[in-house]
């Protein structure tokens, strides 16, 4: 009789819903992801500076956002939009490139820089890899303009 009572208490405690940990809210998950993305951006900024590039982290400014990180190299400005996404969706890649282009234009306009001296790219994080293992994505015409092979 005593064993049976103990077994029932154990079963009740085990199935007590109020004793379970509360699950994380969507806001908590989003905040964690934002922190991870910011840490990845900062590692990129630190690495660019260690390599000798004059680089800066750009602040968010709503509709007039200027990208995440910008650096100067050989008189040219490079504006990068960093993306820390779980899986790359081909449907979103075009949106990322459009966003990077708009932000590079905003960067040039705010600093009165000739837009032909500003290049844009999207830097995608590779899962489980460091900053240098990320993927840089840009339109072909922008790449050709960057290397000076064609005037597009």
N, C-alpha and C. Protein backbone atom coordinates (compact mmCIF):
# COMPACT_ATOMS: atom_id res chain seq x y z
N UNK A 1 0.81 -1.18 0.00
CA UNK A 1 0.00 0.00 0.00
C UNK A 1 0.87 1.26 0.00
N UNK A 2 1.93 1.28 0.78
CA UNK A 2 2.81 2.44 0.87
C UNK A 2 3.52 2.68 -0.47
N UNK A 3 3.98 1.64 -1.13
CA UNK A 3 4.68 1.76 -2.41
C UNK A 3 3.75 2.37 -3.46
N UNK A 4 2.53 1.98 -3.43
CA UNK A 4 1.56 2.49 -4.38
C UNK A 4 1.35 3.99 -4.22
N UNK A 5 1.29 4.49 -3.03
CA UNK A 5 1.08 5.91 -2.76
C UNK A 5 2.27 6.73 -3.23
N UNK A 6 3.47 6.22 -3.01
CA UNK A 6 4.67 6.93 -3.45
C UNK A 6 4.70 6.98 -4.97
N UNK A 7 4.36 5.88 -5.59
CA UNK A 7 4.36 5.82 -7.04
C UNK A 7 3.36 6.84 -7.62
N UNK A 8 2.22 7.00 -7.01
CA UNK A 8 1.21 7.96 -7.48
C UNK A 8 1.71 9.39 -7.33
N UNK A 9 2.37 9.71 -6.20
CA UNK A 9 2.90 11.07 -6.02
C UNK A 9 3.96 11.37 -7.06
N UNK A 10 4.82 10.40 -7.32
CA UNK A 10 5.86 10.59 -8.32
C UNK A 10 5.24 10.83 -9.69
N UNK A 11 4.24 10.07 -10.03
CA UNK A 11 3.57 10.21 -11.32
C UNK A 11 2.91 11.58 -11.43
N UNK A 12 2.28 12.03 -10.36
CA UNK A 12 1.61 13.34 -10.39
C UNK A 12 2.62 14.47 -10.54
N UNK A 13 3.75 14.38 -9.82
CA UNK A 13 4.77 15.42 -9.94
C UNK A 13 5.36 15.45 -11.34
N UNK A 14 5.56 14.30 -11.90
CA UNK A 14 6.15 14.20 -13.22
C UNK A 14 5.25 14.80 -14.29
N UNK A 15 3.97 14.67 -14.15
CA UNK A 15 3.02 15.16 -15.14
C UNK A 15 2.42 16.52 -14.79
N UNK A 16 2.97 17.17 -13.77
CA UNK A 16 2.46 18.47 -13.36
C UNK A 16 2.94 19.52 -14.36
N UNK A 17 2.00 20.10 -15.09
CA UNK A 17 2.33 21.07 -16.12
C UNK A 17 2.90 22.36 -15.52
N UNK A 18 2.45 22.74 -14.35
CA UNK A 18 2.91 24.00 -13.75
C UNK A 18 4.38 23.94 -13.36
N UNK A 19 4.96 22.75 -13.21
CA UNK A 19 6.36 22.61 -12.82
C UNK A 19 7.30 22.72 -14.01
N UNK A 20 6.79 22.69 -15.25
CA UNK A 20 7.63 22.76 -16.43
C UNK A 20 8.20 24.16 -16.62
N UNK A 21 9.34 24.22 -17.26
CA UNK A 21 9.93 25.50 -17.58
C UNK A 21 9.08 26.20 -18.63
N UNK A 22 8.90 27.50 -18.49
CA UNK A 22 8.14 28.20 -19.53
C UNK A 22 8.98 28.28 -20.81
N UNK A 23 8.34 28.12 -21.94
CA UNK A 23 9.08 28.19 -23.20
C UNK A 23 9.42 29.64 -23.51
N UNK A 24 10.46 29.83 -24.31
CA UNK A 24 10.87 31.18 -24.67
C UNK A 24 9.86 31.82 -25.61
N UNK A 25 9.69 33.10 -25.47
CA UNK A 25 8.77 33.82 -26.34
C UNK A 25 9.48 34.15 -27.65
N UNK A 26 8.72 34.52 -28.63
CA UNK A 26 9.28 34.90 -29.93
C UNK A 26 10.22 36.10 -29.75
N UNK A 27 9.86 37.03 -28.90
CA UNK A 27 10.70 38.21 -28.66
C UNK A 27 12.05 37.82 -28.07
N UNK A 28 12.07 36.85 -27.17
CA UNK A 28 13.33 36.39 -26.58
C UNK A 28 14.20 35.71 -27.63
N UNK A 29 13.59 34.93 -28.48
CA UNK A 29 14.34 34.25 -29.55
C UNK A 29 14.91 35.27 -30.53
N UNK A 30 14.09 36.27 -30.90
CA UNK A 30 14.56 37.30 -31.82
C UNK A 30 15.70 38.11 -31.21
N UNK A 31 15.60 38.41 -29.92
CA UNK A 31 16.66 39.18 -29.25
C UNK A 31 17.96 38.38 -29.25
N UNK A 32 17.87 37.09 -29.01
CA UNK A 32 19.06 36.24 -29.02
C UNK A 32 19.69 36.21 -30.42
N UNK A 33 18.86 36.11 -31.45
CA UNK A 33 19.37 36.09 -32.82
C UNK A 33 20.01 37.43 -33.19
N UNK A 34 19.41 38.55 -32.74
CA UNK A 34 20.00 39.86 -33.00
C UNK A 34 21.37 39.99 -32.35
N UNK A 35 21.49 39.48 -31.11
CA UNK A 35 22.78 39.53 -30.43
C UNK A 35 23.83 38.70 -31.18
N UNK A 36 23.42 37.54 -31.67
CA UNK A 36 24.36 36.68 -32.41
C UNK A 36 24.79 37.37 -33.70
N UNK A 37 23.86 38.01 -34.39
CA UNK A 37 24.19 38.73 -35.62
C UNK A 37 25.11 39.91 -35.34
N UNK A 38 24.85 40.63 -34.26
CA UNK A 38 25.70 41.77 -33.90
C UNK A 38 27.10 41.31 -33.54
N UNK A 39 27.21 40.20 -32.85
CA UNK A 39 28.54 39.66 -32.50
C UNK A 39 29.30 39.28 -33.76
N UNK A 40 28.60 38.71 -34.74
CA UNK A 40 29.24 38.33 -35.99
C UNK A 40 29.70 39.57 -36.76
N UNK A 41 28.88 40.62 -36.80
CA UNK A 41 29.27 41.88 -37.43
C UNK A 41 30.52 42.45 -36.76
N UNK A 42 30.53 42.44 -35.43
CA UNK A 42 31.68 42.99 -34.71
C UNK A 42 32.95 42.20 -34.99
N UNK A 43 32.83 40.88 -35.13
CA UNK A 43 34.01 40.09 -35.45
C UNK A 43 34.52 40.45 -36.85
N UNK A 44 33.60 40.74 -37.78
CA UNK A 44 34.00 41.19 -39.11
C UNK A 44 34.70 42.54 -39.06
N UNK A 45 34.16 43.46 -38.28
CA UNK A 45 34.76 44.79 -38.14
C UNK A 45 36.16 44.69 -37.54
N UNK A 46 36.29 43.88 -36.50
CA UNK A 46 37.59 43.69 -35.85
C UNK A 46 38.59 43.08 -36.82
N UNK A 47 38.17 42.11 -37.59
CA UNK A 47 39.07 41.46 -38.55
C UNK A 47 39.50 42.42 -39.65
N UNK A 48 38.55 43.25 -40.14
CA UNK A 48 38.91 44.22 -41.17
C UNK A 48 39.95 45.21 -40.63
N UNK A 49 39.76 45.65 -39.40
CA UNK A 49 40.71 46.59 -38.80
C UNK A 49 42.08 45.93 -38.60
N UNK A 50 42.09 44.66 -38.18
CA UNK A 50 43.36 43.94 -38.01
C UNK A 50 44.09 43.78 -39.34
N UNK A 51 43.34 43.70 -40.44
CA UNK A 51 43.94 43.59 -41.76
C UNK A 51 44.40 44.94 -42.31
N UNK A 52 44.13 46.00 -41.55
CA UNK A 52 44.60 47.33 -41.93
C UNK A 52 43.62 48.19 -42.69
N UNK A 53 42.36 47.77 -42.79
CA UNK A 53 41.36 48.56 -43.50
C UNK A 53 40.79 49.63 -42.57
N UNK A 54 40.55 50.81 -43.14
CA UNK A 54 39.90 51.90 -42.42
C UNK A 54 38.40 51.59 -42.45
N UNK A 55 37.89 50.97 -41.39
CA UNK A 55 36.51 50.51 -41.40
C UNK A 55 35.73 51.07 -40.22
N UNK A 56 34.42 51.13 -40.41
CA UNK A 56 33.54 51.62 -39.35
C UNK A 56 32.23 50.84 -39.38
N UNK A 57 31.64 50.73 -38.21
CA UNK A 57 30.33 50.11 -38.09
C UNK A 57 29.30 51.22 -38.20
N UNK A 58 28.33 51.02 -39.06
CA UNK A 58 27.33 52.05 -39.31
C UNK A 58 26.11 51.83 -38.43
N UNK A 59 25.54 52.93 -37.97
CA UNK A 59 24.38 52.84 -37.09
C UNK A 59 23.10 52.67 -37.90
N UNK A 60 22.12 52.05 -37.30
CA UNK A 60 20.80 51.95 -37.93
C UNK A 60 20.17 53.33 -37.96
N UNK A 61 19.57 53.67 -39.08
CA UNK A 61 18.89 54.95 -39.16
C UNK A 61 17.58 54.82 -39.92
N UNK A 62 16.86 53.75 -39.68
CA UNK A 62 15.53 53.56 -40.26
C UNK A 62 15.55 53.45 -41.76
N UNK A 63 14.71 54.25 -42.41
CA UNK A 63 14.57 54.19 -43.86
C UNK A 63 15.86 54.61 -44.56
N UNK A 64 16.65 55.46 -43.93
CA UNK A 64 17.90 55.95 -44.51
C UNK A 64 19.11 55.14 -44.02
N UNK A 65 18.90 53.86 -43.73
CA UNK A 65 19.98 53.00 -43.25
C UNK A 65 21.12 52.98 -44.26
N UNK A 66 22.34 52.90 -43.77
CA UNK A 66 23.54 52.98 -44.61
C UNK A 66 24.33 51.69 -44.67
N UNK A 67 23.76 50.59 -44.28
CA UNK A 67 24.49 49.33 -44.27
C UNK A 67 24.98 49.00 -42.88
N UNK A 68 25.73 47.92 -42.77
CA UNK A 68 26.23 47.48 -41.46
C UNK A 68 27.68 47.89 -41.23
N UNK A 69 28.53 47.64 -42.21
CA UNK A 69 29.95 47.97 -42.08
C UNK A 69 30.42 48.59 -43.39
N UNK A 70 31.21 49.64 -43.27
CA UNK A 70 31.79 50.27 -44.45
C UNK A 70 33.30 50.37 -44.24
N UNK A 71 34.05 50.23 -45.32
CA UNK A 71 35.50 50.42 -45.23
C UNK A 71 36.01 51.04 -46.52
N UNK A 72 37.17 51.64 -46.43
CA UNK A 72 37.80 52.30 -47.57
C UNK A 72 39.02 51.49 -47.98
N UNK A 73 39.16 51.35 -49.30
CA UNK A 73 40.31 50.61 -49.84
C UNK A 73 40.66 51.21 -51.19
N UNK A 74 41.89 51.70 -51.33
CA UNK A 74 42.38 52.29 -52.57
C UNK A 74 41.45 53.38 -53.12
N UNK A 75 40.97 54.23 -52.24
CA UNK A 75 40.12 55.34 -52.65
C UNK A 75 38.68 54.97 -52.94
N UNK A 76 38.33 53.72 -52.78
CA UNK A 76 36.97 53.25 -53.01
C UNK A 76 36.32 52.93 -51.67
N UNK A 77 35.01 53.09 -51.60
CA UNK A 77 34.26 52.77 -50.38
C UNK A 77 33.46 51.50 -50.62
N UNK A 78 33.47 50.62 -49.64
CA UNK A 78 32.75 49.35 -49.72
C UNK A 78 31.74 49.31 -48.58
N UNK A 79 30.47 49.17 -48.94
CA UNK A 79 29.40 49.12 -47.95
C UNK A 79 28.85 47.71 -47.94
N UNK A 80 28.93 47.07 -46.77
CA UNK A 80 28.47 45.69 -46.66
C UNK A 80 27.24 45.60 -45.78
N UNK A 81 26.33 44.78 -46.22
CA UNK A 81 25.14 44.42 -45.44
C UNK A 81 25.36 43.00 -44.95
N UNK A 82 25.44 42.82 -43.65
CA UNK A 82 25.70 41.51 -43.07
C UNK A 82 24.38 40.80 -42.80
N UNK A 83 24.32 39.52 -43.14
CA UNK A 83 23.13 38.71 -42.90
C UNK A 83 23.53 37.44 -42.17
N UNK A 84 22.92 37.24 -41.02
CA UNK A 84 23.13 36.03 -40.24
C UNK A 84 21.83 35.24 -40.29
N UNK A 85 21.62 34.53 -41.37
CA UNK A 85 20.37 33.80 -41.57
C UNK A 85 20.63 32.31 -41.44
N UNK A 86 19.65 31.59 -40.92
CA UNK A 86 19.80 30.15 -40.72
C UNK A 86 19.96 29.40 -42.02
N UNK A 87 19.09 29.67 -42.96
CA UNK A 87 19.17 29.02 -44.27
C UNK A 87 19.03 30.10 -45.33
N UNK A 88 19.81 29.98 -46.38
CA UNK A 88 19.74 30.97 -47.45
C UNK A 88 18.56 30.64 -48.34
N UNK A 89 17.70 31.58 -48.53
CA UNK A 89 16.57 31.40 -49.42
C UNK A 89 16.84 32.16 -50.71
N UNK A 90 16.80 31.48 -51.84
CA UNK A 90 17.06 32.15 -53.11
C UNK A 90 16.08 33.28 -53.33
N UNK A 91 14.87 33.15 -52.81
CA UNK A 91 13.87 34.20 -52.96
C UNK A 91 14.30 35.48 -52.25
N UNK A 92 15.04 35.36 -51.15
CA UNK A 92 15.45 36.53 -50.39
C UNK A 92 16.77 37.13 -50.85
N UNK A 93 17.56 36.40 -51.61
CA UNK A 93 18.87 36.91 -52.03
C UNK A 93 18.73 38.20 -52.84
N UNK A 94 17.75 38.28 -53.70
CA UNK A 94 17.51 39.49 -54.48
C UNK A 94 17.14 40.66 -53.58
N UNK A 95 16.34 40.38 -52.55
CA UNK A 95 15.97 41.44 -51.59
C UNK A 95 17.20 41.93 -50.84
N UNK A 96 18.08 41.02 -50.46
CA UNK A 96 19.30 41.40 -49.75
C UNK A 96 20.17 42.31 -50.63
N UNK A 97 20.30 41.95 -51.91
CA UNK A 97 21.11 42.76 -52.83
C UNK A 97 20.49 44.14 -53.05
N UNK A 98 19.17 44.18 -53.20
CA UNK A 98 18.48 45.46 -53.36
C UNK A 98 18.70 46.34 -52.14
N UNK A 99 18.57 45.73 -50.96
CA UNK A 99 18.79 46.46 -49.71
C UNK A 99 20.22 46.99 -49.62
N UNK A 100 21.20 46.18 -49.99
CA UNK A 100 22.60 46.61 -49.95
C UNK A 100 22.84 47.77 -50.92
N UNK A 101 22.23 47.71 -52.09
CA UNK A 101 22.39 48.79 -53.07
C UNK A 101 21.79 50.09 -52.55
N UNK A 102 20.59 50.02 -52.02
CA UNK A 102 19.94 51.22 -51.46
C UNK A 102 20.77 51.82 -50.33
N UNK A 103 21.30 50.96 -49.49
CA UNK A 103 22.08 51.44 -48.35
C UNK A 103 23.40 52.05 -48.78
N UNK A 104 24.01 51.52 -49.84
CA UNK A 104 25.24 52.12 -50.37
C UNK A 104 24.94 53.50 -50.97
N UNK A 105 23.79 53.62 -51.62
CA UNK A 105 23.38 54.93 -52.15
C UNK A 105 23.16 55.93 -51.02
N UNK A 106 22.53 55.47 -49.93
CA UNK A 106 22.34 56.34 -48.77
C UNK A 106 23.68 56.75 -48.16
N UNK A 107 24.60 55.81 -48.08
CA UNK A 107 25.94 56.07 -47.55
C UNK A 107 26.62 57.17 -48.37
N UNK A 108 26.58 57.04 -49.69
CA UNK A 108 27.21 58.03 -50.57
C UNK A 108 26.55 59.40 -50.45
N UNK A 109 25.23 59.41 -50.44
CA UNK A 109 24.49 60.68 -50.39
C UNK A 109 24.76 61.43 -49.08
N UNK A 110 24.77 60.73 -47.98
CA UNK A 110 24.99 61.39 -46.68
C UNK A 110 26.38 61.95 -46.53
N UNK A 111 27.35 61.36 -47.21
CA UNK A 111 28.74 61.79 -47.06
C UNK A 111 29.23 62.59 -48.28
N UNK A 112 28.33 62.87 -49.22
CA UNK A 112 28.66 63.63 -50.43
C UNK A 112 29.82 62.97 -51.19
N UNK A 113 29.71 61.64 -51.32
CA UNK A 113 30.71 60.86 -52.05
C UNK A 113 30.14 60.52 -53.42
N UNK A 114 30.98 60.58 -54.43
CA UNK A 114 30.56 60.19 -55.77
C UNK A 114 30.11 58.72 -55.74
N UNK A 115 28.87 58.43 -56.16
CA UNK A 115 28.38 57.04 -56.11
C UNK A 115 29.22 56.04 -56.89
N UNK A 116 29.98 56.52 -57.87
CA UNK A 116 30.82 55.59 -58.64
C UNK A 116 32.00 55.08 -57.81
N UNK A 117 32.28 55.72 -56.68
CA UNK A 117 33.36 55.28 -55.79
C UNK A 117 32.84 54.37 -54.68
N UNK A 118 31.56 54.05 -54.70
CA UNK A 118 30.97 53.23 -53.64
C UNK A 118 30.51 51.89 -54.20
N UNK A 119 30.90 50.82 -53.56
CA UNK A 119 30.52 49.46 -53.97
C UNK A 119 29.69 48.83 -52.86
N UNK A 120 28.79 47.95 -53.24
CA UNK A 120 27.95 47.29 -52.24
C UNK A 120 28.04 45.77 -52.38
N UNK A 121 27.85 45.11 -51.23
CA UNK A 121 27.86 43.65 -51.22
C UNK A 121 27.08 43.16 -50.01
N UNK A 122 26.64 41.93 -50.08
CA UNK A 122 25.98 41.27 -48.96
C UNK A 122 26.93 40.20 -48.45
N UNK A 123 27.14 40.17 -47.14
CA UNK A 123 28.01 39.17 -46.53
C UNK A 123 27.12 38.21 -45.75
N UNK A 124 27.10 36.96 -46.18
CA UNK A 124 26.25 35.94 -45.55
C UNK A 124 27.09 35.05 -44.64
N UNK A 125 26.57 34.82 -43.46
CA UNK A 125 27.27 33.95 -42.50
C UNK A 125 27.11 32.50 -42.93
N UNK A 126 28.18 31.75 -42.82
CA UNK A 126 28.15 30.32 -43.08
C UNK A 126 28.01 29.61 -41.74
N UNK A 127 27.04 28.75 -41.63
CA UNK A 127 26.73 28.08 -40.36
C UNK A 127 27.95 27.36 -39.80
N UNK A 128 28.25 27.66 -38.54
CA UNK A 128 29.34 26.98 -37.84
C UNK A 128 30.74 27.42 -38.25
N UNK A 129 30.83 28.49 -39.03
CA UNK A 129 32.13 28.96 -39.50
C UNK A 129 32.40 30.36 -38.99
N UNK A 130 33.64 30.78 -39.06
CA UNK A 130 34.03 32.11 -38.63
C UNK A 130 33.76 33.16 -39.70
N UNK A 131 34.12 34.40 -39.38
CA UNK A 131 33.85 35.52 -40.27
C UNK A 131 34.50 35.35 -41.63
N UNK A 132 35.73 34.90 -41.68
CA UNK A 132 36.44 34.76 -42.95
C UNK A 132 35.88 33.65 -43.84
N UNK A 133 35.05 32.80 -43.28
CA UNK A 133 34.43 31.73 -44.06
C UNK A 133 33.05 32.11 -44.57
N UNK A 134 32.64 33.36 -44.34
CA UNK A 134 31.35 33.84 -44.84
C UNK A 134 31.38 33.95 -46.36
N UNK A 135 30.24 34.24 -46.94
CA UNK A 135 30.11 34.34 -48.39
C UNK A 135 29.78 35.79 -48.74
N UNK A 136 30.54 36.36 -49.67
CA UNK A 136 30.28 37.72 -50.15
C UNK A 136 29.53 37.60 -51.46
N UNK A 137 28.41 38.31 -51.54
CA UNK A 137 27.56 38.22 -52.72
C UNK A 137 27.35 39.62 -53.27
N UNK A 138 27.53 39.76 -54.59
CA UNK A 138 27.28 41.03 -55.25
C UNK A 138 26.86 40.74 -56.69
N UNK A 139 26.15 41.68 -57.30
CA UNK A 139 25.78 41.48 -58.71
C UNK A 139 27.03 41.45 -59.60
N UNK A 140 26.95 40.78 -60.72
CA UNK A 140 28.08 40.66 -61.62
C UNK A 140 28.54 42.03 -62.10
N UNK A 141 27.60 42.91 -62.47
CA UNK A 141 28.00 44.23 -62.95
C UNK A 141 28.74 45.01 -61.88
N UNK A 142 28.40 44.82 -60.61
CA UNK A 142 29.10 45.49 -59.51
C UNK A 142 30.50 44.90 -59.34
N UNK A 143 30.61 43.59 -59.50
CA UNK A 143 31.91 42.94 -59.41
C UNK A 143 32.83 43.43 -60.52
N UNK A 144 32.31 43.50 -61.74
CA UNK A 144 33.12 43.97 -62.87
C UNK A 144 33.54 45.43 -62.67
N UNK A 145 32.64 46.23 -62.13
CA UNK A 145 32.97 47.62 -61.84
C UNK A 145 34.05 47.70 -60.78
N UNK A 146 33.98 46.80 -59.82
CA UNK A 146 34.94 46.77 -58.73
C UNK A 146 36.36 46.44 -59.22
N UNK A 147 36.45 45.46 -60.10
CA UNK A 147 37.77 45.07 -60.58
C UNK A 147 38.22 45.91 -61.77
N UNK A 148 37.34 46.81 -62.24
CA UNK A 148 37.72 47.76 -63.28
C UNK A 148 37.74 47.20 -64.68
N UNK A 149 37.06 46.09 -64.90
CA UNK A 149 37.05 45.48 -66.23
C UNK A 149 36.01 46.09 -67.15
N UNK A 150 34.95 46.66 -66.57
CA UNK A 150 33.89 47.20 -67.41
C UNK A 150 33.25 48.39 -66.71
N UNK A 151 32.74 49.26 -67.48
CA UNK A 151 32.04 50.42 -66.94
C UNK A 151 30.54 50.11 -67.08
N UNK A 152 29.92 49.75 -65.94
CA UNK A 152 28.49 49.35 -65.97
C UNK A 152 27.64 50.35 -65.23
